[in-house]
Protein backbone atom coordinates (compact mmCIF):
# COMPACT_ATOMS: atom_id res chain seq x y z
CA UNK A 1 3.86 8.82 -18.76
CA UNK A 2 3.74 11.26 -15.85
CA UNK A 3 1.81 14.50 -16.08
CA UNK A 4 2.52 17.41 -13.77
CA UNK A 5 -0.28 18.42 -11.41
CA UNK A 6 -0.25 22.02 -12.65
CA UNK A 7 -0.74 20.75 -16.22
CA UNK A 8 -3.76 18.70 -15.13
CA UNK A 9 -5.25 21.65 -13.26
CA UNK A 10 -4.67 23.95 -16.24
CA UNK A 11 -6.41 21.42 -18.51
CA UNK A 12 -9.39 21.26 -16.13
CA UNK A 13 -9.59 25.05 -15.98
CA UNK A 14 -9.66 25.20 -19.77
CA UNK A 15 -12.34 22.49 -19.99
CA UNK A 16 -14.45 24.42 -17.49
CA UNK A 17 -13.79 27.73 -19.31
CA UNK A 18 -12.52 29.14 -16.04
CA UNK A 19 -8.82 29.87 -16.63
CA UNK A 20 -9.06 32.97 -14.41
CA UNK A 21 -10.40 30.82 -11.54
CA UNK A 22 -13.51 32.97 -11.12
CA UNK A 23 -15.84 30.08 -10.31
CA UNK A 24 -13.39 27.52 -8.89
CA UNK A 25 -10.10 28.30 -7.18
CA UNK A 26 -6.99 26.38 -8.19
CA UNK A 27 -6.82 25.07 -4.60
CA UNK A 28 -10.29 23.54 -5.07
CA UNK A 29 -9.11 21.77 -8.24
CA UNK A 30 -6.09 20.46 -6.33
CA UNK A 31 -8.30 19.20 -3.47
CA UNK A 32 -10.57 17.44 -5.99
CA UNK A 33 -7.57 15.88 -7.75
CA UNK A 34 -6.18 14.63 -4.43
CA UNK A 35 -9.55 13.14 -3.48
CA UNK A 36 -9.72 11.40 -6.86
CA UNK A 37 -6.22 10.02 -6.40
CA UNK A 38 -7.12 8.68 -2.94
CA UNK A 39 -10.21 6.97 -4.39
CA UNK A 40 -8.14 5.48 -7.22
CA UNK A 41 -5.56 4.07 -4.81
CA UNK A 42 -8.29 2.53 -2.65
CA UNK A 43 -9.73 0.82 -5.74
CA UNK A 44 -6.35 -0.31 -7.03
CA UNK A 45 -3.46 -0.02 -4.54
CA UNK A 46 -0.97 -0.99 -7.27
CA UNK A 47 -1.16 2.55 -8.70
CA UNK A 48 0.76 3.89 -5.69
CA UNK A 49 3.07 1.21 -4.32
CA UNK A 50 5.32 2.40 -1.50
CA UNK A 51 8.36 0.30 -0.67
CA UNK A 52 9.40 0.57 2.97
CA UNK A 53 11.22 -1.25 5.74
CA UNK A 54 9.49 -1.96 9.04
CA UNK A 55 10.52 -3.32 12.40
CA UNK A 56 8.51 -6.40 13.22
CA UNK A 57 6.78 -7.02 16.54
CA UNK A 58 7.40 -10.21 18.51
CA UNK A 59 5.08 -13.03 17.46
CA UNK A 60 3.35 -14.14 14.30
CA UNK A 61 0.84 -11.31 13.95
CA UNK A 62 2.00 -7.97 12.58
CA UNK A 63 0.27 -4.70 11.79
CA UNK A 64 0.71 -2.64 8.67
CA UNK A 65 2.34 0.79 8.89
CA UNK A 66 0.06 3.80 9.38
CA UNK A 67 -1.47 4.91 6.11
CA UNK A 68 -1.01 1.54 4.41
CA UNK A 69 -4.01 0.28 2.45
CA UNK A 70 -2.91 -3.18 1.36
CA UNK A 71 0.15 -5.38 1.52
CA UNK A 72 1.50 -6.04 -1.96
CA UNK A 73 4.47 -8.23 -1.06
CA UNK A 74 7.31 -8.86 1.36
CA UNK A 75 10.46 -9.42 -0.66
CA UNK A 76 13.35 -9.92 1.71
CA UNK A 77 14.84 -9.48 5.14
CA UNK A 78 17.16 -6.56 5.91
CA UNK A 79 20.02 -9.06 5.50
CA UNK A 80 18.89 -9.72 1.92
CA UNK A 81 17.56 -13.22 2.60
CA UNK A 82 14.38 -13.78 0.56
CA UNK A 83 10.93 -14.15 2.12
CA UNK A 84 8.31 -16.37 0.48
CA UNK A 85 4.54 -16.01 0.65
CA UNK A 86 2.82 -19.21 1.79
CA UNK A 87 -0.77 -20.29 2.23
CA UNK A 88 -1.85 -20.74 5.86
CA UNK A 89 -3.51 -24.06 5.03
CA UNK A 90 -0.30 -25.35 3.47
CA UNK A 91 1.75 -24.17 6.44
CA UNK A 92 -0.67 -25.85 8.85
CA UNK A 93 -0.12 -29.16 7.01
CA UNK A 94 3.66 -28.84 6.66
CA UNK A 95 4.29 -27.57 10.18
CA UNK A 96 1.23 -27.73 12.46
CA UNK A 97 3.15 -26.12 15.34
CA UNK A 98 4.37 -23.11 13.32
CA UNK A 99 2.58 -20.58 15.54
CA UNK A 100 4.50 -21.71 18.62
CA UNK A 101 7.87 -22.28 16.91
CA UNK A 102 10.99 -20.67 18.32
CA UNK A 103 11.36 -17.09 17.11
CA UNK A 104 14.01 -16.33 14.52
CA UNK A 105 15.59 -13.03 13.50
CA UNK A 106 15.26 -14.10 9.86
CA UNK A 107 11.80 -14.28 8.35
CA UNK A 108 11.43 -17.23 5.94
CA UNK A 109 7.73 -17.15 5.07
CA UNK A 110 4.77 -14.84 5.44
CA UNK A 111 1.02 -15.15 5.13
CA UNK A 112 -1.39 -12.32 4.46
CA UNK A 113 -4.92 -12.41 5.84
CA UNK A 114 -6.91 -9.93 3.78
CA UNK A 115 -10.01 -10.59 5.87
CA UNK A 116 -8.23 -8.85 8.77
CA UNK A 117 -8.49 -5.57 6.80
CA UNK A 118 -12.27 -5.50 6.93
């Protein structure tokens, strides 16, 4: 259930007995709420999933769009063809030369290296 920001700020002002904003301005409450939301998303990116399309670079390594925190999934190509997540170890066994394979306009599989985020 969604709650409007102004309702949250009004509730905080009431809890702080400062409905006239004498001690804390409404803008300060909003800044604190935004900071809390940023912290929440960093702890659990699933609370603010953004679905977007990106243009891929040539090669096997890609970068996430600016502002992205974590990759949740890659569902499909622009054509609608599905994309499956695979384990790098499995791909190395199935197709040891996958990194030097001929490029294709259609992505079939993807791997996500979370250690690259650190």
